């Protein structure tokens, strides 16, 4: 029996907890309250702990290594690999414990109790609208039980925490009517109880833990759920007198548990990692809270955040992440079945110019003239006859109108996502990756990523005197803009176009798309081709006669 928690014990705990979650994975998955086809709590917790254990495996435990370092790696690995709301919450429980361990020299019973209190605070802070009767109640009870015995005995405190958590788990149906109706306990709370039991075993020095850790490396497919026909684990813990299991992984608002999936009114679970400053994340929380529910946004402490939300429309949730910073590892899970007759998909694009209109129509899109009203966009969406429609506004000013039209269309039963394109060249990049064979939500993500990866440039005539980042300009000057900012000022379309392309390609790129406007001078395409082939010989160049007004040239670099 250990007197203090050390790094080797943390490793045994993580490995033993992962092995226990795997053994009970299907049991926890079957605690399914909501009709969600994916995102089961048991599977999500296994995937989260698998990532946590992999993070530990990157370091070799040495005698005397500070426990807080390994614990912090475990918490960070869990956060970066977190799946579903239950995984995110567990990662924050681990982070709260790691933060406590970082402030002490040794971890005995009293330090463990304090770590569980901080873990509880971190878990509650992670959830936008905490709900009792969930994993939050279970971790709070564990912390209270650990502190109640007022002991410095590490094992005694761990056992008290595990015992209090189990008792709290049995009370969850009394706190949440949806659990009582289904005759089950909370799924995320059940997973946390297994982790606390594993902590007891690790501290007690159970030899079986070492065998379990070895077994982790021997499994061929650690990220896969158990087959449907696999026998129940022999040590399955059924809730007493609770009937058949029916509870799934997801987050919380005032109406539902913090670690269960609920598809009421929202069709998709959106989750991604985000690199962003704290002040941008504050705005992101407000934006996502208005878009949907089950919101959880948590950080690692070094500028990386894990974002999770349920929404009716995928596009705005991803766009909010783009506005806050750099989202990546984006995943979308459908929370409701597609309704009959809604399999047809379409794209609606806002554009002007005969050439651009023909170009988009050749890609199968419906084109609406620039600066449309909400009614005009709604009419175009309805005219497609599709059940799932993506809208490409191609202008920052049109984006709000597109979002409004999407909401109105959704009320009429049409699923609409707005990909926040700001230029027709981004829309071309988005349409190029469309794939009707994959789920609509996945297609929207692919289109958003393609559009975001396309830098856009414009050459236009200044309408008034102004001070720009490239210096002062006068009305009538020619401006070269990159991603909306003036980078070149001149008096010749060809020269400004050359300098603009050089500026854009200086940041890298393989494909350049140029769309010539209605007022482009004769021979502009030939001069652009000559310049590009001479100065950027490995670049693929595509040129189109767009015929758009106002912009002599539109350019995209991918």
Protein backbone atom coordinates (compact mmCIF):
# COMPACT_ATOMS: atom_id res chain seq x y z
CA UNK A 1 0.00 0.00 0.00
CA UNK A 2 1.30 3.43 -0.99
CA UNK A 3 1.62 6.34 1.37
CA UNK A 4 2.08 8.89 -1.44
CA UNK A 5 0.95 8.96 -5.06
CA UNK A 6 3.84 8.60 -7.50
CA UNK A 7 4.20 8.62 -11.28
CA UNK A 8 4.19 4.82 -11.57
CA UNK A 9 0.86 4.72 -9.74
CA UNK A 10 -0.60 7.35 -12.06
CA UNK A 11 0.42 5.16 -14.99
CA UNK A 12 -1.15 2.08 -13.36
CA UNK A 13 -4.30 4.08 -12.65
CA UNK A 14 -4.64 5.29 -16.24
CA UNK A 15 -3.98 1.83 -17.67
CA UNK A 16 -6.29 0.11 -15.20
CA UNK A 17 -9.03 2.68 -15.79
CA UNK A 18 -8.77 2.22 -19.55
CA UNK A 19 -8.93 -1.56 -19.20
CA UNK A 20 -11.99 -1.30 -16.95
CA UNK A 21 -13.77 1.06 -19.33
CA UNK A 22 -13.09 -1.34 -22.19
CA UNK A 23 -14.54 -4.22 -20.19
CA UNK A 24 -17.69 -2.20 -19.47
CA UNK A 25 -17.82 -0.31 -22.76
CA UNK A 26 -20.96 -1.90 -24.13
CA UNK A 27 -22.71 -1.77 -20.77
CA UNK A 28 -22.19 2.01 -20.64
CA UNK A 29 -23.10 2.40 -24.31
CA UNK A 30 -26.37 0.61 -23.59
CA UNK A 31 -27.29 3.20 -20.96
CA UNK A 32 -28.94 5.03 -23.83
CA UNK A 33 -31.69 7.50 -23.02
CA UNK A 34 -31.78 9.29 -26.38
CA UNK A 35 -32.19 7.92 -29.95
CA UNK A 36 -28.73 8.83 -31.15
CA UNK A 37 -27.01 6.51 -33.63
CA UNK A 38 -23.42 7.48 -32.68
CA UNK A 39 -21.41 9.03 -29.85
CA UNK A 40 -22.05 6.43 -27.13
CA UNK A 41 -20.66 7.32 -23.74
CA UNK A 42 -18.76 4.09 -23.20
CA UNK A 43 -17.05 4.31 -26.58
CA UNK A 44 -16.27 8.00 -26.08
CA UNK A 45 -14.71 7.38 -22.68
CA UNK A 46 -12.60 4.52 -24.03
CA UNK A 47 -11.33 6.72 -26.86
CA UNK A 48 -10.62 9.58 -24.43
CA UNK A 49 -8.66 7.38 -22.00
CA UNK A 50 -6.84 5.72 -24.90
CA UNK A 51 -5.52 9.17 -25.87
CA UNK A 52 -4.63 9.90 -22.23
CA UNK A 53 -2.68 6.65 -21.92
CA UNK A 54 -0.89 7.26 -25.22
CA UNK A 55 0.24 10.63 -23.86
CA UNK A 56 1.71 8.88 -20.82
CA UNK A 57 3.48 6.40 -23.04
CA UNK A 58 5.52 9.21 -24.57
CA UNK A 59 7.47 9.46 -21.32
CA UNK A 60 9.38 6.77 -19.43
CA UNK A 61 8.40 6.78 -15.74
CA UNK A 62 11.50 7.12 -13.59
CA UNK A 63 11.74 6.74 -9.79
CA UNK A 64 11.09 10.03 -8.12
CA UNK A 65 9.60 11.73 -11.21
CA UNK A 66 7.16 14.41 -10.01
CA UNK A 67 3.65 13.05 -10.22
CA UNK A 68 2.23 16.35 -11.43
CA UNK A 69 4.19 16.18 -14.70
CA UNK A 70 2.80 12.79 -15.63
CA UNK A 71 -0.66 13.74 -14.41
CA UNK A 72 -0.63 16.85 -16.56
CA UNK A 73 0.34 14.78 -19.61
CA UNK A 74 -2.53 12.43 -18.85
CA UNK A 75 -4.98 15.35 -18.58
CA UNK A 76 -3.74 17.01 -21.77
CA UNK A 77 -3.85 13.75 -23.71
CA UNK A 78 -7.42 13.22 -22.52
CA UNK A 79 -8.46 16.71 -23.61
CA UNK A 80 -6.88 16.51 -27.05
CA UNK A 81 -8.40 13.07 -27.60
CA UNK A 82 -11.73 13.76 -25.88
CA UNK A 83 -14.81 12.43 -27.63
CA UNK A 84 -18.27 13.62 -26.72
CA UNK A 85 -19.19 15.66 -23.74
CA UNK A 86 -18.38 12.91 -21.27
CA UNK A 87 -14.81 12.74 -22.57
CA UNK A 88 -14.39 16.51 -22.30
CA UNK A 89 -15.72 16.55 -18.74
CA UNK A 90 -13.46 13.68 -17.67
CA UNK A 91 -10.49 15.50 -19.19
CA UNK A 92 -11.33 18.50 -17.02
CA UNK A 93 -11.59 16.33 -13.93
CA UNK A 94 -8.08 15.08 -14.67
CA UNK A 95 -6.86 18.62 -15.31
CA UNK A 96 -8.26 19.83 -11.99
CA UNK A 97 -6.39 17.05 -10.21
CA UNK A 98 -3.20 17.79 -12.14
CA UNK A 99 -3.39 21.49 -11.22
CA UNK A 100 -3.62 20.57 -7.55
CA UNK A 101 -0.74 18.09 -7.68
CA UNK A 102 1.42 20.77 -9.29
CA UNK A 103 1.22 22.84 -6.09
CA UNK A 104 2.41 20.19 -3.62
CA UNK A 105 5.59 18.22 -3.03
CA UNK A 106 3.88 14.92 -2.18
CA UNK A 107 0.34 13.66 -2.70
CA UNK A 108 -1.20 12.02 0.34
CA UNK A 109 -4.81 11.67 1.40
CA UNK A 110 -5.52 15.32 2.11
CA UNK A 111 -3.97 16.39 -1.22
CA UNK A 112 -6.08 13.83 -3.07
CA UNK A 113 -9.23 15.16 -1.39
CA UNK A 114 -8.28 18.71 -2.38
CA UNK A 115 -7.54 17.56 -5.93
CA UNK A 116 -11.02 16.06 -6.21
CA UNK A 117 -12.55 19.34 -5.03
CA UNK A 118 -10.64 21.23 -7.72
CA UNK A 119 -11.61 18.55 -10.24
CA UNK A 120 -15.26 19.16 -9.36
CA UNK A 121 -14.88 22.90 -9.89
CA UNK A 122 -13.20 22.31 -13.26
CA UNK A 123 -15.92 19.91 -14.38
CA UNK A 124 -18.74 22.29 -13.48
CA UNK A 125 -16.94 25.20 -15.14
CA UNK A 126 -16.65 23.19 -18.37
CA UNK A 127 -20.41 22.91 -18.82
CA UNK A 128 -22.44 25.88 -20.01
CA UNK A 129 -25.55 24.88 -18.02
CA UNK A 130 -24.72 22.28 -15.34
CA UNK A 131 -27.41 19.70 -14.53
CA UNK A 132 -27.54 17.50 -11.44
CA UNK A 133 -28.01 13.77 -11.80
CA UNK A 134 -25.06 13.52 -14.18
CA UNK A 135 -21.33 12.88 -13.95
CA UNK A 136 -21.12 16.31 -12.32
CA UNK A 137 -23.11 15.08 -9.32
CA UNK A 138 -20.95 11.97 -9.13
CA UNK A 139 -17.63 13.82 -9.06
CA UNK A 140 -18.99 16.32 -6.54
CA UNK A 141 -20.04 13.46 -4.25
CA UNK A 142 -16.61 11.84 -4.64
CA UNK A 143 -14.92 15.06 -3.54
CA UNK A 144 -17.27 15.44 -0.60
CA UNK A 145 -16.74 11.83 0.48
CA UNK A 146 -12.97 12.19 0.24
CA UNK A 147 -12.96 15.32 2.37
CA UNK A 148 -15.43 14.03 4.93
CA UNK A 149 -13.06 11.47 6.50
CA UNK A 150 -10.35 14.10 7.11
CA UNK A 151 -7.55 11.56 6.70
CA UNK A 152 -4.06 11.71 5.26
CA UNK A 153 -4.23 8.00 4.38
CA UNK A 154 -4.09 7.92 0.58
CA UNK A 155 -5.88 4.59 0.19
CA UNK A 156 -8.58 5.44 2.73
CA UNK A 157 -9.36 8.70 0.94
CA UNK A 158 -9.43 7.01 -2.48
CA UNK A 159 -11.84 4.36 -1.15
CA UNK A 160 -14.06 6.99 0.45
CA UNK A 161 -14.22 8.89 -2.85
CA UNK A 162 -15.09 5.76 -4.82
CA UNK A 163 -17.74 4.71 -2.31
CA UNK A 164 -19.39 8.15 -2.29
CA UNK A 165 -19.34 8.25 -6.11
CA UNK A 166 -21.10 4.87 -6.32
CA UNK A 167 -23.78 6.04 -3.92
CA UNK A 168 -24.25 9.24 -5.93
CA UNK A 169 -24.54 7.22 -9.14
CA UNK A 170 -27.43 5.22 -7.65
CA UNK A 171 -29.17 8.52 -6.82
CA UNK A 172 -28.98 9.93 -10.37
CA UNK A 173 -32.43 8.59 -11.43
CA UNK A 174 -33.95 10.48 -8.50
CA UNK A 175 -32.37 13.69 -9.79
CA UNK A 176 -33.15 13.28 -13.49
CA UNK A 177 -36.63 12.13 -14.50
CA UNK A 178 -35.40 11.03 -17.92
CA UNK A 179 -33.14 8.46 -16.22
CA UNK A 180 -35.94 7.26 -13.97
CA UNK A 181 -38.27 6.78 -16.93
CA UNK A 182 -35.64 4.74 -18.75
CA UNK A 183 -34.76 2.75 -15.62
CA UNK A 184 -31.04 3.52 -15.79
CA UNK A 185 -28.27 5.38 -14.01
CA UNK A 186 -26.18 8.12 -15.64
CA UNK A 187 -23.74 6.79 -18.22
CA UNK A 188 -20.94 9.31 -17.64
CA UNK A 189 -21.24 8.86 -13.90
CA UNK A 190 -20.91 5.10 -14.34
CA UNK A 191 -17.69 5.62 -16.27
CA UNK A 192 -16.29 7.92 -13.59
CA UNK A 193 -17.05 5.32 -10.92
CA UNK A 194 -14.97 2.81 -12.88
CA UNK A 195 -12.08 5.28 -13.00
CA UNK A 196 -12.24 5.89 -9.25
CA UNK A 197 -12.35 2.12 -8.60
CA UNK A 198 -9.24 1.82 -10.78
CA UNK A 199 -7.55 4.54 -8.67
CA UNK A 200 -8.25 2.50 -5.53
CA UNK A 201 -6.74 -0.60 -7.13
CA UNK A 202 -3.67 1.33 -8.30
CA UNK A 203 -3.04 2.83 -4.87
CA UNK A 204 -3.62 -0.54 -3.20
CA UNK A 205 -0.92 -2.00 -5.46
CA UNK A 206 -3.15 -4.62 -7.09
CA UNK A 207 -0.91 -6.82 -9.27
CA UNK A 208 -3.74 -7.21 -11.70
CA UNK A 209 -3.24 -3.62 -12.75
CA UNK A 210 0.18 -4.34 -14.19
CA UNK A 211 -1.27 -7.22 -16.17
CA UNK A 212 -4.04 -4.98 -17.42
CA UNK A 213 -1.54 -2.40 -18.64
CA UNK A 214 0.33 -5.05 -20.60
CA UNK A 215 -2.98 -6.14 -22.10
CA UNK A 216 -3.64 -2.62 -23.37
CA UNK A 217 -0.77 -2.85 -25.83
CA UNK A 218 -1.89 -6.29 -26.99
CA UNK A 219 -5.28 -5.18 -28.30
CA UNK A 220 -5.40 -4.81 -32.05
CA UNK A 221 -8.17 -2.23 -32.28
CA UNK A 222 -8.28 -0.13 -29.11
CA UNK A 223 -10.59 2.47 -30.63
CA UNK A 224 -13.33 0.13 -31.70
CA UNK A 225 -16.56 -0.55 -29.86
CA UNK A 226 -17.35 -4.11 -28.87
CA UNK A 227 -19.20 -6.20 -31.46
CA UNK A 228 -22.95 -6.28 -31.01
CA UNK A 229 -23.02 -10.02 -30.48
CA UNK A 230 -20.24 -10.08 -27.88
CA UNK A 231 -21.18 -11.54 -24.52
CA UNK A 232 -21.81 -9.24 -21.60
CA UNK A 233 -18.79 -8.67 -19.33
CA UNK A 234 -18.88 -10.99 -16.36
CA UNK A 235 -18.38 -8.11 -13.96
CA UNK A 236 -21.13 -5.92 -15.39
CA UNK A 237 -22.67 -3.73 -12.71
CA UNK A 238 -26.42 -3.52 -13.28
CA UNK A 239 -28.28 -0.76 -11.44
CA UNK A 240 -30.44 -2.45 -8.82
CA UNK A 241 -34.16 -2.60 -9.68
CA UNK A 242 -33.83 -0.16 -12.56
CA UNK A 243 -35.14 -2.21 -15.46
CA UNK A 244 -33.55 -2.45 -18.86
CA UNK A 245 -30.77 -0.01 -19.73
CA UNK A 246 -31.73 2.38 -22.38
CA UNK A 247 -28.43 6.65 -21.82
CA UNK A 248 -25.95 8.22 -24.24
CA UNK A 249 -23.09 10.53 -24.30
CA UNK A 250 -23.68 14.26 -24.49
CA UNK A 251 -23.73 17.66 -22.87
CA UNK A 252 -25.99 19.85 -20.89
CA UNK A 253 -28.43 22.65 -20.79
CA UNK A 254 -31.15 23.33 -18.28
CA UNK A 255 -33.30 20.54 -19.72
CA UNK A 256 -30.95 17.60 -20.03
CA UNK A 257 -27.93 15.92 -18.48
CA UNK A 258 -24.42 17.15 -19.07
CA UNK A 259 -23.09 13.89 -20.42
CA UNK A 260 -25.93 12.58 -22.59
CA UNK A 261 -26.89 12.97 -26.23
CA UNK A 262 -30.20 14.71 -26.90
CA UNK A 263 -31.26 15.43 -30.45
CA UNK A 264 -34.36 17.46 -29.57
CA UNK A 265 -34.38 20.40 -31.99
CA UNK A 266 -30.74 19.92 -32.99
CA UNK A 267 -29.52 17.65 -35.74
CA UNK A 268 -25.75 17.59 -35.22
CA UNK A 269 -23.02 17.28 -32.63
CA UNK A 270 -20.07 19.47 -33.64
CA UNK A 271 -16.70 19.07 -31.94
CA UNK A 272 -13.27 20.45 -32.75
CA UNK A 273 -9.96 21.51 -31.27
CA UNK A 274 -9.24 25.23 -31.43
CA UNK A 275 -6.12 27.35 -31.12
CA UNK A 276 -7.32 30.76 -29.91
CA UNK A 277 -6.71 33.44 -27.25
CA UNK A 278 -8.97 33.46 -24.16
CA UNK A 279 -10.76 36.68 -25.13
CA UNK A 280 -11.80 35.17 -28.47
CA UNK A 281 -13.07 32.06 -26.70
CA UNK A 282 -15.31 34.20 -24.49
CA UNK A 283 -17.03 35.51 -27.62
CA UNK A 284 -17.13 32.01 -29.08
CA UNK A 285 -18.98 30.69 -26.02
CA UNK A 286 -21.65 33.37 -26.41
CA UNK A 287 -22.02 32.71 -30.12
CA UNK A 288 -22.31 28.94 -29.77
CA UNK A 289 -24.65 29.23 -26.82
CA UNK A 290 -27.04 31.19 -29.04
CA UNK A 291 -26.71 28.67 -31.88
CA UNK A 292 -27.48 25.48 -29.97
CA UNK A 293 -27.18 23.66 -26.69
CA UNK A 294 -25.04 21.06 -24.90
CA UNK A 295 -22.15 23.53 -25.07
CA UNK A 296 -18.79 22.71 -23.53
CA UNK A 297 -15.61 24.71 -24.18
CA UNK A 298 -12.51 23.78 -22.19
CA UNK A 299 -8.82 24.61 -22.53
CA UNK A 300 -5.47 22.99 -21.87
CA UNK A 301 -3.97 26.16 -20.45
CA UNK A 302 -1.64 26.75 -23.41
CA UNK A 303 -4.07 28.20 -25.94
CA UNK A 304 -5.67 24.95 -27.13
CA UNK A 305 -9.40 24.43 -26.54
CA UNK A 306 -11.81 21.56 -27.02
CA UNK A 307 -15.19 22.76 -28.30
CA UNK A 308 -18.40 20.73 -28.24
CA UNK A 309 -21.96 21.84 -29.11
CA UNK A 310 -25.26 20.55 -30.53
CA UNK A 311 -26.66 22.62 -33.38
CA UNK A 312 -29.26 22.49 -36.11
CA UNK A 313 -26.84 23.97 -38.65
CA UNK A 314 -23.20 22.88 -38.83
CA UNK A 315 -21.89 25.84 -40.83
CA UNK A 316 -22.29 28.66 -38.26
CA UNK A 317 -20.73 26.53 -35.50
CA UNK A 318 -17.62 25.96 -37.60
CA UNK A 319 -17.55 29.56 -38.80
CA UNK A 320 -17.62 30.74 -35.17
CA UNK A 321 -14.49 28.67 -34.57
CA UNK A 322 -12.80 30.15 -37.63
CA UNK A 323 -13.57 33.67 -36.39
CA UNK A 324 -12.16 32.81 -32.94
CA UNK A 325 -8.94 31.18 -34.12
CA UNK A 326 -7.82 28.00 -35.91
CA UNK A 327 -10.20 25.05 -35.61
CA UNK A 328 -8.94 21.58 -36.54
CA UNK A 329 -9.81 17.91 -36.04
CA UNK A 330 -13.40 18.90 -36.81
CA UNK A 331 -15.96 16.13 -36.33
CA UNK A 332 -19.71 16.13 -36.88
CA UNK A 333 -22.12 13.43 -35.71
CA UNK A 334 -25.71 13.25 -36.88
CA UNK A 335 -28.11 13.19 -33.93
CA UNK A 336 -31.26 12.33 -35.84
CA UNK A 337 -32.21 10.14 -38.74
CA UNK A 338 -32.70 11.70 -42.17
CA UNK A 339 -36.40 12.06 -42.93
CA UNK A 340 -37.93 10.25 -45.94
CA UNK A 341 -37.82 12.27 -49.14
CA UNK A 342 -35.00 14.51 -47.95
CA UNK A 343 -32.07 12.79 -49.61
CA UNK A 344 -31.66 15.29 -52.46
CA UNK A 345 -28.90 17.88 -52.02
CA UNK A 346 -28.26 21.22 -53.67
CA UNK A 347 -26.04 24.29 -53.55
CA UNK A 348 -27.11 27.92 -53.79
CA UNK A 349 -24.43 30.46 -54.72
CA UNK A 350 -24.55 34.25 -54.68
CA UNK A 351 -22.70 35.67 -57.69
CA UNK A 352 -22.86 38.31 -60.44
CA UNK A 353 -21.65 38.17 -64.04
CA UNK A 354 -22.65 35.93 -66.92
CA UNK A 355 -19.38 34.02 -66.89
CA UNK A 356 -19.45 33.32 -63.15
CA UNK A 357 -23.12 32.34 -63.32
CA UNK A 358 -22.40 29.84 -66.08
CA UNK A 359 -19.38 28.54 -64.18
CA UNK A 360 -21.36 27.86 -61.02
CA UNK A 361 -24.29 26.40 -62.93
CA UNK A 362 -21.88 24.00 -64.61
CA UNK A 363 -21.02 22.83 -61.08
CA UNK A 364 -24.70 22.10 -60.47
CA UNK A 365 -25.37 25.14 -58.28
CA UNK A 366 -28.35 27.50 -58.29
CA UNK A 367 -27.16 31.09 -58.69
CA UNK A 368 -28.70 34.16 -57.05
CA UNK A 369 -27.65 37.67 -58.10
CA UNK A 370 -25.46 39.74 -55.75
CA UNK A 371 -26.92 41.47 -52.69
CA UNK A 372 -30.04 39.27 -52.44
CA UNK A 373 -32.81 39.62 -49.87
CA UNK A 374 -33.71 36.88 -47.43
CA UNK A 375 -36.83 36.19 -49.49
CA UNK A 376 -34.81 35.81 -52.69
CA UNK A 377 -32.45 33.33 -51.06
CA UNK A 378 -35.38 31.44 -49.55
CA UNK A 379 -37.00 31.23 -52.97
CA UNK A 380 -33.79 29.86 -54.46
CA UNK A 381 -33.47 27.28 -51.67
CA UNK A 382 -37.08 26.19 -52.18
CA UNK A 383 -36.65 26.06 -55.94
CA UNK A 384 -33.95 23.42 -55.62
CA UNK A 385 -36.52 20.98 -54.20
CA UNK A 386 -33.73 19.50 -52.04
CA UNK A 387 -33.92 18.49 -48.40
CA UNK A 388 -30.30 19.51 -47.73
CA UNK A 389 -28.89 22.73 -49.17
CA UNK A 390 -25.56 24.47 -48.75
CA UNK A 391 -25.46 28.25 -49.29
CA UNK A 392 -22.29 30.05 -50.43
CA UNK A 393 -22.79 33.82 -49.86
CA UNK A 394 -19.42 34.96 -51.33
CA UNK A 395 -19.62 38.27 -49.49
CA UNK A 396 -19.37 39.26 -45.84
CA UNK A 397 -22.40 41.52 -46.19
CA UNK A 398 -24.52 38.69 -47.60
CA UNK A 399 -23.60 36.23 -44.89
CA UNK A 400 -26.13 37.52 -42.36
CA UNK A 401 -28.87 37.34 -44.99
CA UNK A 402 -27.86 33.77 -45.83
CA UNK A 403 -27.94 32.79 -42.17
CA UNK A 404 -31.40 34.30 -41.77
CA UNK A 405 -32.63 32.45 -44.84
CA UNK A 406 -31.17 29.22 -43.48
CA UNK A 407 -33.12 29.61 -40.24
CA UNK A 408 -36.35 30.28 -42.13
CA UNK A 409 -35.78 27.29 -44.40
CA UNK A 410 -35.05 25.05 -41.41
CA UNK A 411 -38.41 26.03 -39.92
CA UNK A 412 -39.96 24.73 -43.12
CA UNK A 413 -38.20 21.39 -42.86
CA UNK A 414 -35.21 22.03 -45.13
CA UNK A 415 -31.73 21.45 -43.75
CA UNK A 416 -29.52 24.41 -44.76
CA UNK A 417 -25.86 25.04 -43.95
CA UNK A 418 -24.06 28.28 -44.76
CA UNK A 419 -20.39 27.96 -45.67
CA UNK A 420 -18.93 31.43 -44.97
CA UNK A 421 -17.28 32.09 -48.33
CA UNK A 422 -16.19 35.68 -48.91
CA UNK A 423 -15.30 35.44 -52.59
CA UNK A 424 -16.50 33.46 -55.62
CA UNK A 425 -13.07 31.80 -55.85
CA UNK A 426 -13.63 30.30 -52.39
CA UNK A 427 -17.01 29.02 -53.55
CA UNK A 428 -15.34 27.35 -56.54
CA UNK A 429 -12.88 25.65 -54.19
CA UNK A 430 -15.75 24.50 -51.96
CA UNK A 431 -17.84 23.11 -54.83
CA UNK A 432 -14.83 21.24 -56.19
CA UNK A 433 -14.74 18.94 -53.15
CA UNK A 434 -18.46 18.16 -52.94
CA UNK A 435 -19.19 14.45 -52.66
CA UNK A 436 -22.84 13.30 -52.59
CA UNK A 437 -21.75 9.86 -51.36
CA UNK A 438 -20.71 11.10 -47.92
CA UNK A 439 -23.04 12.43 -45.19
CA UNK A 440 -24.23 15.98 -45.73
CA UNK A 441 -22.58 17.23 -42.53
CA UNK A 442 -19.23 15.74 -43.59
CA UNK A 443 -19.64 17.37 -47.01
CA UNK A 444 -20.25 20.77 -45.38
CA UNK A 445 -17.09 20.35 -43.32
CA UNK A 446 -15.04 19.45 -46.40
CA UNK A 447 -16.42 22.45 -48.29
CA UNK A 448 -15.75 24.80 -45.36
CA UNK A 449 -12.19 23.52 -45.04
CA UNK A 450 -11.57 23.88 -48.80
CA UNK A 451 -12.96 27.43 -48.78
CA UNK A 452 -10.91 28.35 -45.71
CA UNK A 453 -7.75 27.01 -47.33
CA UNK A 454 -8.26 29.27 -50.36
CA UNK A 455 -6.80 32.75 -49.95
CA UNK A 456 -8.66 35.26 -52.05
CA UNK A 457 -7.54 38.44 -53.78
CA UNK A 458 -9.28 41.22 -55.69
CA UNK A 459 -8.35 44.08 -57.99
CA UNK A 460 -10.81 46.97 -57.99
CA UNK A 461 -10.98 50.75 -58.35
CA UNK A 462 -10.97 52.91 -55.22
CA UNK A 463 -14.26 54.77 -54.81
CA UNK A 464 -12.94 57.42 -52.40
CA UNK A 465 -9.81 58.75 -50.73
CA UNK A 466 -8.73 56.58 -47.81
CA UNK A 467 -5.83 55.56 -45.59
CA UNK A 468 -5.07 51.83 -45.98
CA UNK A 469 -2.51 49.44 -44.52
CA UNK A 470 -0.59 49.86 -47.80
CA UNK A 471 -0.66 53.65 -47.51
CA UNK A 472 -3.02 56.43 -48.64
CA UNK A 473 -5.08 55.96 -51.78
CA UNK A 474 -7.20 58.34 -53.84
CA UNK A 475 -10.46 57.82 -55.63
CA UNK A 476 -9.70 56.20 -58.99
CA UNK A 477 -6.58 54.35 -57.82
CA UNK A 478 -6.40 50.64 -58.48
CA UNK A 479 -6.31 48.50 -55.34
CA UNK A 480 -5.06 44.97 -54.87
CA UNK A 481 -6.65 43.31 -51.82
CA UNK A 482 -5.69 40.04 -50.11
CA UNK A 483 -8.31 38.54 -47.79
CA UNK A 484 -10.07 41.91 -47.67
CA UNK A 485 -7.03 44.07 -46.84
CA UNK A 486 -5.37 46.48 -49.28
CA UNK A 487 -1.85 45.30 -50.10
CA UNK A 488 -1.15 47.01 -53.44
CA UNK A 489 -1.97 50.49 -54.74
CA UNK A 490 -1.29 51.43 -58.39
CA UNK A 491 -2.63 52.89 -61.59
CA UNK A 492 -2.36 49.94 -64.03
CA UNK A 493 -4.61 46.86 -63.83
CA UNK A 494 -1.99 44.52 -65.23
CA UNK A 495 0.78 45.69 -62.90
CA UNK A 496 -1.46 45.65 -59.82
CA UNK A 497 -2.64 42.15 -60.78
CA UNK A 498 0.96 40.93 -61.10
CA UNK A 499 1.98 42.40 -57.75
CA UNK A 500 -1.14 40.96 -56.12
CA UNK A 501 -0.41 37.43 -57.36
CA UNK A 502 3.23 37.73 -56.25
CA UNK A 503 2.09 38.80 -52.79
CA UNK A 504 -0.36 35.91 -52.55
CA UNK A 505 2.02 33.25 -53.88
CA UNK A 506 4.76 34.44 -51.57
CA UNK A 507 2.89 32.60 -48.83
CA UNK A 508 2.86 29.35 -50.80
CA UNK A 509 0.32 27.69 -53.05
CA UNK A 510 -0.09 25.17 -55.84
CA UNK A 511 -3.22 26.24 -57.70
CA UNK A 512 -4.16 29.76 -58.82
CA UNK A 513 -7.65 30.58 -60.06
CA UNK A 514 -8.20 33.91 -61.84
CA UNK A 515 -11.64 35.25 -62.76
CA UNK A 516 -11.58 38.25 -65.10
CA UNK A 517 -14.21 40.96 -64.62
CA UNK A 518 -16.40 42.81 -67.08
CA UNK A 519 -13.98 45.78 -67.15
CA UNK A 520 -10.76 43.77 -67.42
CA UNK A 521 -8.53 45.23 -70.14
CA UNK A 522 -7.93 43.18 -73.30
CA UNK A 523 -4.94 40.88 -73.05
CA UNK A 524 -4.98 40.74 -69.21
CA UNK A 525 -5.28 36.95 -69.15
CA UNK A 526 -2.32 36.49 -71.50
CA UNK A 527 -0.13 38.83 -69.46
CA UNK A 528 -1.08 37.08 -66.22
CA UNK A 529 -0.24 33.69 -67.74
CA UNK A 530 3.10 34.96 -69.00
CA UNK A 531 4.01 36.45 -65.62
CA UNK A 532 2.96 33.38 -63.67
CA UNK A 533 4.74 30.90 -65.92
CA UNK A 534 7.93 32.95 -65.82
CA UNK A 535 8.03 33.68 -62.07
CA UNK A 536 6.06 30.75 -60.63
CA UNK A 537 6.71 27.87 -63.06
CA UNK A 538 5.38 25.10 -60.78
CA UNK A 539 2.01 26.74 -60.23
CA UNK A 540 -1.12 25.44 -61.96
CA UNK A 541 -3.10 28.39 -63.35
CA UNK A 542 -6.78 28.43 -64.29
CA UNK A 543 -8.38 31.52 -65.85
CA UNK A 544 -12.06 32.21 -66.48
CA UNK A 545 -14.01 35.10 -67.99
CA UNK A 546 -16.37 35.87 -65.11
CA UNK A 547 -17.87 39.11 -66.34
CA UNK A 548 -18.43 40.30 -62.77
CA UNK A 549 -18.92 44.03 -62.16
CA UNK A 550 -16.73 46.16 -59.86
CA UNK A 551 -13.80 43.73 -59.69
CA UNK A 552 -11.38 43.68 -62.59
CA UNK A 553 -9.84 40.47 -61.26
CA UNK A 554 -10.69 37.85 -58.64
CA UNK A 555 -7.86 35.53 -57.63
CA UNK A 556 -7.72 32.45 -55.45
CA UNK A 557 -4.64 30.59 -54.22
CA UNK A 558 -4.85 27.07 -52.83
